[in-house]
Amino acid sequence: MTFELGTEYKIAHVMPGVFNSADTLTIVRQSGDIVQFTLGNGKGRGAMPVDHLKYLLNKNELTVNKRSLLNHDDTNEKIG
């Protein structure tokens, strides 16, 4: 599974300590089966296996930030 670069995920309130109390996680790079990310509010950066990111998404501990998706769709859409 590939993750789109720049996708922002909202971190569930039950897990803030795991990610330095950041509210969001943004994908910056995927190399093989490792995903690199930055945390919101300058809280840091890190990497994790793709399988672990999928696990967090399945458990709803990370959810796609809808605002990020809307902004991304607007930039790709061209009106002729």
PDB file of N, CA and C in Angstrom:
ATOM      1  N   MET A   1       0.845  -1.186   0.000  1.00  0.00           N
ATOM      2  CA  MET A   1       0.000   0.000   0.000  1.00  0.00           C
ATOM      3  C   MET A   1       0.884   1.242   0.000  1.00  0.00           C
ATOM      4  N   THR A   2       0.551   2.184  -0.833  1.00  0.00           N
ATOM      5  CA  THR A   2       1.300   3.442  -0.863  1.00  0.00           C
ATOM      6  C   THR A   2       0.462   4.540  -0.224  1.00  0.00           C
ATOM      7  N   PHE A   3       1.132   5.410   0.476  1.00  0.00           N
ATOM      8  CA  PHE A   3       0.475   6.541   1.106  1.00  0.00           C
ATOM      9  C   PHE A   3       0.862   7.792   0.343  1.00  0.00           C
ATOM     10  N   GLU A   4      -0.110   8.660   0.120  1.00  0.00           N
ATOM     11  CA  GLU A   4       0.135   9.883  -0.627  1.00  0.00           C
ATOM     12  C   GLU A   4       0.914  10.878   0.223  1.00  0.00           C
ATOM     13  N   LEU A   5       1.974  11.409  -0.353  1.00  0.00           N
ATOM     14  CA  LEU A   5       2.795  12.380   0.357  1.00  0.00           C
ATOM     15  C   LEU A   5       1.978  13.631   0.640  1.00  0.00           C
ATOM     16  N   GLY A   6       2.151  14.178   1.812  1.00  0.00           N
ATOM     17  CA  GLY A   6       1.428  15.382   2.197  1.00  0.00           C
ATOM     18  C   GLY A   6       0.095  15.107   2.871  1.00  0.00           C
ATOM     19  N   THR A   7      -0.323  13.846   2.920  1.00  0.00           N
ATOM     20  CA  THR A   7      -1.584  13.522   3.592  1.00  0.00           C
ATOM     21  C   THR A   7      -1.426  13.752   5.087  1.00  0.00           C
ATOM     22  N   GLU A   8      -2.384  14.460   5.649  1.00  0.00           N
ATOM     23  CA  GLU A   8      -2.348  14.793   7.072  1.00  0.00           C
ATOM     24  C   GLU A   8      -3.372  13.946   7.813  1.00  0.00           C
ATOM     25  N   TYR A   9      -2.948  13.351   8.920  1.00  0.00           N
ATOM     26  CA  TYR A   9      -3.817  12.522   9.748  1.00  0.00           C
ATOM     27  C   TYR A   9      -3.994  13.180  11.106  1.00  0.00           C
ATOM     28  N   LYS A  10      -5.209  13.109  11.636  1.00  0.00           N
ATOM     29  CA  LYS A  10      -5.504  13.624  12.973  1.00  0.00           C
ATOM     30  C   LYS A  10      -5.237  12.497  13.964  1.00  0.00           C
ATOM     31  N   ILE A  11      -4.532  12.808  15.039  1.00  0.00           N
ATOM     32  CA  ILE A  11      -4.189  11.818  16.059  1.00  0.00           C
ATOM     33  C   ILE A  11      -5.291  11.785  17.104  1.00  0.00           C
ATOM     34  N   ALA A  12      -5.762  10.581  17.424  1.00  0.00           N
ATOM     35  CA  ALA A  12      -6.839  10.407  18.405  1.00  0.00           C
ATOM     36  C   ALA A  12      -6.424  10.950  19.771  1.00  0.00           C
ATOM     37  N   HIS A  13      -7.376  11.434  20.520  1.00  0.00           N
ATOM     38  CA  HIS A  13      -7.110  12.021  21.842  1.00  0.00           C
ATOM     39  C   HIS A  13      -6.622  10.987  22.848  1.00  0.00           C
ATOM     40  N   VAL A  14      -6.849   9.708  22.575  1.00  0.00           N
ATOM     41  CA  VAL A  14      -6.409   8.673  23.519  1.00  0.00           C
ATOM     42  C   VAL A  14      -4.919   8.371  23.385  1.00  0.00           C
ATOM     43  N   MET A  15      -4.256   8.918  22.349  1.00  0.00           N
ATOM     44  CA  MET A  15      -2.850   8.617  22.098  1.00  0.00           C
ATOM     45  C   MET A  15      -1.913   9.823  22.105  1.00  0.00           C
ATOM     46  N   PRO A  16      -2.217  10.939  22.698  1.00  0.00           N
ATOM     47  CA  PRO A  16      -1.366  12.111  22.513  1.00  0.00           C
ATOM     48  C   PRO A  16       0.067  11.927  23.007  1.00  0.00           C
ATOM     49  N   GLY A  17       0.267  11.209  24.079  1.00  0.00           N
ATOM     50  CA  GLY A  17       1.608  11.023  24.622  1.00  0.00           C
ATOM     51  C   GLY A  17       2.525  10.237  23.712  1.00  0.00           C
ATOM     52  N   VAL A  18       1.957   9.376  22.904  1.00  0.00           N
ATOM     53  CA  VAL A  18       2.744   8.554  21.988  1.00  0.00           C
ATOM     54  C   VAL A  18       3.402   9.416  20.922  1.00  0.00           C
ATOM     55  N   PHE A  19       2.751  10.479  20.506  1.00  0.00           N
ATOM     56  CA  PHE A  19       3.256  11.354  19.451  1.00  0.00           C
ATOM     57  C   PHE A  19       3.601  12.747  19.979  1.00  0.00           C
ATOM     58  N   ASN A  20       4.236  12.825  21.143  1.00  0.00           N
ATOM     59  CA  ASN A  20       4.679  14.099  21.732  1.00  0.00           C
ATOM     60  C   ASN A  20       3.562  15.127  21.859  1.00  0.00           C
ATOM     61  N   SER A  21       2.371  14.694  22.136  1.00  0.00           N
ATOM     62  CA  SER A  21       1.202  15.561  22.307  1.00  0.00           C
ATOM     63  C   SER A  21       0.848  16.362  21.054  1.00  0.00           C
ATOM     64  N   ALA A  22       1.249  15.871  19.879  1.00  0.00           N
ATOM     65  CA  ALA A  22       0.902  16.533  18.618  1.00  0.00           C
ATOM     66  C   ALA A  22      -0.542  16.197  18.241  1.00  0.00           C
ATOM     67  N   ASP A  23      -1.174  17.088  17.493  1.00  0.00           N
ATOM     68  CA  ASP A  23      -2.540  16.865  17.031  1.00  0.00           C
ATOM     69  C   ASP A  23      -2.588  16.170  15.681  1.00  0.00           C
ATOM     70  N   THR A  24      -1.541  16.364  14.866  1.00  0.00           N
ATOM     71  CA  THR A  24      -1.549  15.823  13.509  1.00  0.00           C
ATOM     72  C   THR A  24      -0.225  15.155  13.162  1.00  0.00           C
ATOM     73  N   LEU A  25      -0.302  14.292  12.159  1.00  0.00           N
ATOM     74  CA  LEU A  25       0.844  13.587  11.612  1.00  0.00           C
ATOM     75  C   LEU A  25       0.753  13.720  10.098  1.00  0.00           C
ATOM     76  N   THR A  26       1.823  14.167   9.425  1.00  0.00           N
ATOM     77  CA  THR A  26       1.802  14.375   7.983  1.00  0.00           C
ATOM     78  C   THR A  26       2.854  13.494   7.319  1.00  0.00           C
ATOM     79  N   ILE A  27       2.454  12.740   6.308  1.00  0.00           N
ATOM     80  CA  ILE A  27       3.361  11.864   5.573  1.00  0.00           C
ATOM     81  C   ILE A  27       4.290  12.719   4.703  1.00  0.00           C
ATOM     82  N   VAL A  28       5.596  12.518   4.828  1.00  0.00           N
ATOM     83  CA  VAL A  28       6.541  13.281   4.016  1.00  0.00           C
ATOM     84  C   VAL A  28       7.313  12.401   3.034  1.00  0.00           C
ATOM     85  N   ARG A  29       7.366  11.088   3.305  1.00  0.00           N
ATOM     86  CA  ARG A  29       8.115  10.207   2.416  1.00  0.00           C
ATOM     87  C   ARG A  29       7.778   8.755   2.700  1.00  0.00           C
ATOM     88  N   GLN A  30       7.799   7.952   1.637  1.00  0.00           N
ATOM     89  CA  GLN A  30       7.660   6.512   1.810  1.00  0.00           C
ATOM     90  C   GLN A  30       8.769   5.847   1.018  1.00  0.00           C
ATOM     91  N   SER A  31       9.529   5.031   1.686  1.00  0.00           N
ATOM     92  CA  SER A  31      10.620   4.311   1.053  1.00  0.00           C
ATOM     93  C   SER A  31      10.458   2.832   1.378  1.00  0.00           C
ATOM     94  N   GLY A  32      10.039   2.068   0.380  1.00  0.00           N
ATOM     95  CA  GLY A  32       9.800   0.648   0.618  1.00  0.00           C
ATOM     96  C   GLY A  32       8.666   0.453   1.597  1.00  0.00           C
ATOM     97  N   ASP A  33       8.946  -0.216   2.709  1.00  0.00           N
ATOM     98  CA  ASP A  33       7.897  -0.473   3.700  1.00  0.00           C
ATOM     99  C   ASP A  33       8.022   0.427   4.926  1.00  0.00           C
ATOM    100  N   ILE A  34       8.700   1.572   4.772  1.00  0.00           N
ATOM    101  CA  ILE A  34       8.843   2.549   5.854  1.00  0.00           C
ATOM    102  C   ILE A  34       8.222   3.879   5.431  1.00  0.00           C
ATOM    103  N   VAL A  35       7.458   4.485   6.345  1.00  0.00           N
ATOM    104  CA  VAL A  35       6.832   5.784   6.103  1.00  0.00           C
ATOM    105  C   VAL A  35       7.477   6.795   7.050  1.00  0.00           C
ATOM    106  N   GLN A  36       7.912   7.935   6.496  1.00  0.00           N
ATOM    107  CA  GLN A  36       8.449   9.008   7.318  1.00  0.00           C
ATOM    108  C   GLN A  36       7.380  10.084   7.471  1.00  0.00           C
ATOM    109  N   PHE A  37       7.347  10.723   8.645  1.00  0.00           N
ATOM    110  CA  PHE A  37       6.300  11.702   8.923  1.00  0.00           C
ATOM    111  C   PHE A  37       6.835  12.842   9.767  1.00  0.00           C
ATOM    112  N   THR A  38       6.084  13.940   9.767  1.00  0.00           N
ATOM    113  CA  THR A  38       6.342  15.045  10.682  1.00  0.00           C
ATOM    114  C   THR A  38       5.110  15.193  11.561  1.00  0.00           C
ATOM    115  N   LEU A  39       5.314  15.685  12.759  1.00  0.00           N
ATOM    116  CA  LEU A  39       4.215  15.910  13.687  1.00  0.00           C
ATOM    117  C   LEU A  39       3.832  17.379  13.659  1.00  0.00           C
ATOM    118  N   GLY A  40       2.563  17.645  13.870  1.00  0.00           N
ATOM    119  CA  GLY A  40       2.061  19.014  13.865  1.00  0.00           C
ATOM    120  C   GLY A  40       2.651  19.857  14.971  1.00  0.00           C
ATOM    121  N   ASN A  41       2.569  21.166  14.802  1.00  0.00           N
ATOM    122  CA  ASN A  41       3.034  22.147  15.782  1.00  0.00           C
ATOM    123  C   ASN A  41       4.519  22.020  16.089  1.00  0.00           C
ATOM    124  N   GLY A  42       5.302  21.528  15.113  1.00  0.00           N
ATOM    125  CA  GLY A  42       6.739  21.412  15.314  1.00  0.00           C
ATOM    126  C   GLY A  42       7.137  20.447  16.411  1.00  0.00           C
ATOM    127  N   LYS A  43       6.303  19.452  16.685  1.00  0.00           N
ATOM    128  CA  LYS A  43       6.547  18.517  17.787  1.00  0.00           C
ATOM    129  C   LYS A  43       7.560  17.431  17.448  1.00  0.00           C
ATOM    130  N   GLY A  44       8.030  17.379  16.197  1.00  0.00           N
ATOM    131  CA  GLY A  44       9.050  16.391  15.862  1.00  0.00           C
ATOM    132  C   GLY A  44       8.761  15.677  14.559  1.00  0.00           C
ATOM    133  N   ARG A  45       9.503  14.606  14.356  1.00  0.00           N
ATOM    134  CA  ARG A  45       9.349  13.788  13.154  1.00  0.00           C
ATOM    135  C   ARG A  45       9.736  12.365  13.503  1.00  0.00           C
ATOM    136  N   GLY A  46       9.430  11.459  12.592  1.00  0.00           N
ATOM    137  CA  GLY A  46       9.754  10.066  12.862  1.00  0.00           C
ATOM    138  C   GLY A  46       9.469   9.191  11.666  1.00  0.00           C
ATOM    139  N   ALA A  47       9.529   7.893  11.900  1.00  0.00           N
ATOM    140  CA  ALA A  47       9.274   6.909  10.853  1.00  0.00           C
ATOM    141  C   ALA A  47       8.646   5.677  11.492  1.00  0.00           C
ATOM    142  N   MET A  48       7.900   4.944  10.703  1.00  0.00           N
ATOM    143  CA  MET A  48       7.296   3.698  11.176  1.00  0.00           C
ATOM    144  C   MET A  48       7.058   2.785   9.987  1.00  0.00           C
ATOM    145  N   PRO A  49       6.943   1.490  10.228  1.00  0.00           N
ATOM    146  CA  PRO A  49       6.618   0.571   9.141  1.00  0.00           C
ATOM    147  C   PRO A  49       5.216   0.848   8.598  1.00  0.00           C
ATOM    148  N   VAL A  50       5.032   0.619   7.313  1.00  0.00           N
ATOM    149  CA  VAL A  50       3.730   0.810   6.669  1.00  0.00           C
ATOM    150  C   VAL A  50       2.668  -0.025   7.369  1.00  0.00           C
ATOM    151  N   ASP A  51       3.009  -1.248   7.753  1.00  0.00           N
ATOM    152  CA  ASP A  51       2.038  -2.114   8.426  1.00  0.00           C
ATOM    153  C   ASP A  51       1.541  -1.508   9.738  1.00  0.00           C
ATOM    154  N   HIS A  52       2.411  -0.821  10.463  1.00  0.00           N
ATOM    155  CA  HIS A  52       1.990  -0.199  11.723  1.00  0.00           C
ATOM    156  C   HIS A  52       1.072   0.992  11.454  1.00  0.00           C
ATOM    157  N   LEU A  53       1.376   1.764  10.410  1.00  0.00           N
ATOM    158  CA  LEU A  53       0.498   2.881  10.050  1.00  0.00           C
ATOM    159  C   LEU A  53      -0.882   2.359   9.663  1.00  0.00           C
ATOM    160  N   LYS A  54      -0.932   1.271   8.903  1.00  0.00           N
ATOM    161  CA  LYS A  54      -2.223   0.657   8.540  1.00  0.00           C
ATOM    162  C   LYS A  54      -2.969   0.212   9.793  1.00  0.00           C
ATOM    163  N   TYR A  55      -2.245  -0.364  10.760  1.00  0.00           N
ATOM    164  CA  TYR A  55      -2.849  -0.804  12.018  1.00  0.00           C
ATOM    165  C   TYR A  55      -3.479   0.380  12.756  1.00  0.00           C
ATOM    166  N   LEU A  56      -2.744   1.493  12.848  1.00  0.00           N
ATOM    167  CA  LEU A  56      -3.268   2.685  13.532  1.00  0.00           C
ATOM    168  C   LEU A  56      -4.505   3.231  12.823  1.00  0.00           C
ATOM    169  N   LEU A  57      -4.514   3.170  11.492  1.00  0.00           N
ATOM    170  CA  LEU A  57      -5.681   3.630  10.727  1.00  0.00           C
ATOM    171  C   LEU A  57      -6.873   2.705  10.961  1.00  0.00           C
ATOM    172  N   ASN A  58      -6.637   1.400  10.971  1.00  0.00           N
ATOM    173  CA  ASN A  58      -7.725   0.437  11.203  1.00  0.00           C
ATOM    174  C   ASN A  58      -8.322   0.567  12.597  1.00  0.00           C
ATOM    175  N   LYS A  59      -7.507   0.919  13.581  1.00  0.00           N
ATOM    176  CA  LYS A  59      -7.979   1.090  14.960  1.00  0.00           C
ATOM    177  C   LYS A  59      -8.553   2.484  15.206  1.00  0.00           C
ATOM    178  N   ASN A  60      -8.594   3.321  14.176  1.00  0.00           N
ATOM    179  CA  ASN A  60      -9.094   4.699  14.268  1.00  0.00           C
ATOM    180  C   ASN A  60      -8.298   5.545  15.245  1.00  0.00           C
ATOM    181  N   GLU A  61      -7.033   5.196  15.462  1.00  0.00           N
ATOM    182  CA  GLU A  61      -6.170   6.026  16.290  1.00  0.00           C
ATOM    183  C   GLU A  61      -5.582   7.165  15.456  1.00  0.00           C
ATOM    184  N   LEU A  62      -5.618   7.003  14.133  1.00  0.00           N
ATOM    185  CA  LEU A  62      -5.288   8.054  13.179  1.00  0.00           C
ATOM    186  C   LEU A  62      -6.439   8.136  12.192  1.00  0.00           C
ATOM    187  N   THR A  63      -6.879   9.340  11.883  1.00  0.00           N
ATOM    188  CA  THR A  63      -7.930   9.532  10.889  1.00  0.00           C
ATOM    189  C   THR A  63      -7.484  10.606   9.912  1.00  0.00           C
ATOM    190  N   VAL A  64      -7.921  10.481   8.669  1.00  0.00           N
ATOM    191  CA  VAL A  64      -7.545  11.455   7.646  1.00  0.00           C
ATOM    192  C   VAL A  64      -8.155  12.796   7.992  1.00  0.00           C
ATOM    193  N   ASN A  65      -7.331  13.830   7.969  1.00  0.00           N
ATOM    194  CA  ASN A  65      -7.785  15.186   8.229  1.00  0.00           C
ATOM    195  C   ASN A  65      -8.546  15.658   6.992  1.00  0.00           C
ATOM    196  N   LYS A  66      -9.859  15.843   7.106  1.00  0.00           N
ATOM    197  CA  LYS A  66     -10.693  16.193   5.953  1.00  0.00           C
ATOM    198  C   LYS A  66     -10.283  17.523   5.336  1.00  0.00           C
ATOM    199  N   ARG A  67      -9.839  18.472   6.132  1.00  0.00           N
ATOM    200  CA  ARG A  67      -9.423  19.767   5.601  1.00  0.00           C
ATOM    201  C   ARG A  67      -8.233  19.575   4.660  1.00  0.00           C
ATOM    202  N   SER A  68      -7.309  18.720   5.034  1.00  0.00           N
ATOM    203  CA  SER A  68      -6.146  18.439   4.198  1.00  0.00           C
ATOM    204  C   SER A  68      -6.580  17.824   2.875  1.00  0.00           C
ATOM    205  N   LEU A  69      -7.535  16.903   2.926  1.00  0.00           N
ATOM    206  CA  LEU A  69      -8.033  16.269   1.705  1.00  0.00           C
ATOM    207  C   LEU A  69      -8.726  17.280   0.807  1.00  0.00           C
ATOM    208  N   LEU A  70      -9.545  18.140   1.388  1.00  0.00           N
ATOM    209  CA  LEU A  70     -10.239  19.146   0.594  1.00  0.00           C
ATOM    210  C   LEU A  70      -9.256  20.099  -0.074  1.00  0.00           C
ATOM    211  N   ASN A  71      -8.264  20.556   0.652  1.00  0.00           N
ATOM    212  CA  ASN A  71      -7.270  21.449   0.077  1.00  0.00           C
ATOM    213  C   ASN A  71      -6.495  20.763  -1.030  1.00  0.00           C
ATOM    214  N   HIS A  72      -6.171  19.505  -0.871  1.00  0.00           N
ATOM    215  CA  HIS A  72      -5.430  18.769  -1.881  1.00  0.00           C
ATOM    216  C   HIS A  72      -6.267  18.581  -3.140  1.00  0.00           C
ATOM    217  N   ASP A  73      -7.551  18.260  -2.995  1.00  0.00           N
ATOM    218  CA  ASP A  73      -8.424  18.061  -4.148  1.00  0.00           C
ATOM    219  C   ASP A  73      -8.606  19.354  -4.928  1.00  0.00           C
ATOM    220  N   ASP A  74      -8.693  20.487  -4.240  1.00  0.00           N
ATOM    221  CA  ASP A  74      -8.877  21.773  -4.904  1.00  0.00           C
ATOM    222  C   ASP A  74      -7.667  22.132  -5.765  1.00  0.00           C
ATOM    223  N   THR A  75      -6.486  21.778  -5.333  1.00  0.00           N
ATOM    224  CA  THR A  75      -5.295  22.138  -6.088  1.00  0.00           C
ATOM    225  C   THR A  75      -5.136  21.274  -7.336  1.00  0.00           C
ATOM    226  N   ASN A  76      -5.658  20.057  -7.305  1.00  0.00           N
ATOM    227  CA  ASN A  76      -5.522  19.167  -8.462  1.00  0.00           C
ATOM    228  C   ASN A  76      -6.629  19.364  -9.480  1.00  0.00           C
ATOM    229  N   GLU A  77      -7.718  19.955  -9.068  1.00  0.00           N
ATOM    230  CA  GLU A  77      -8.861  20.100  -9.953  1.00  0.00           C
ATOM    231  C   GLU A  77      -8.717  21.362 -10.792  1.00  0.00           C
ATOM    232  N   LYS A  78      -8.861  21.192 -12.089  1.00  0.00           N
ATOM    233  CA  LYS A  78      -8.752  22.351 -12.990  1.00  0.00           C
ATOM    234  C   LYS A  78     -10.092  22.562 -13.679  1.00  0.00           C
ATOM    235  N   ILE A  79     -10.521  23.774 -13.690  1.00  0.00           N
ATOM    236  CA  ILE A  79     -11.778  24.117 -14.325  1.00  0.00           C
ATOM    237  C   ILE A  79     -11.440  24.747 -15.668  1.00  0.00           C
ATOM    238  N   GLY A  80     -11.977  24.162 -16.731  1.00  0.00           N
ATOM    239  CA  GLY A  80     -11.600  24.576 -18.079  1.00  0.00           C
ATOM    240  C   GLY A  80     -12.529  25.576 -18.580  1.00  0.00           C
TER     241      GLY A  80
END
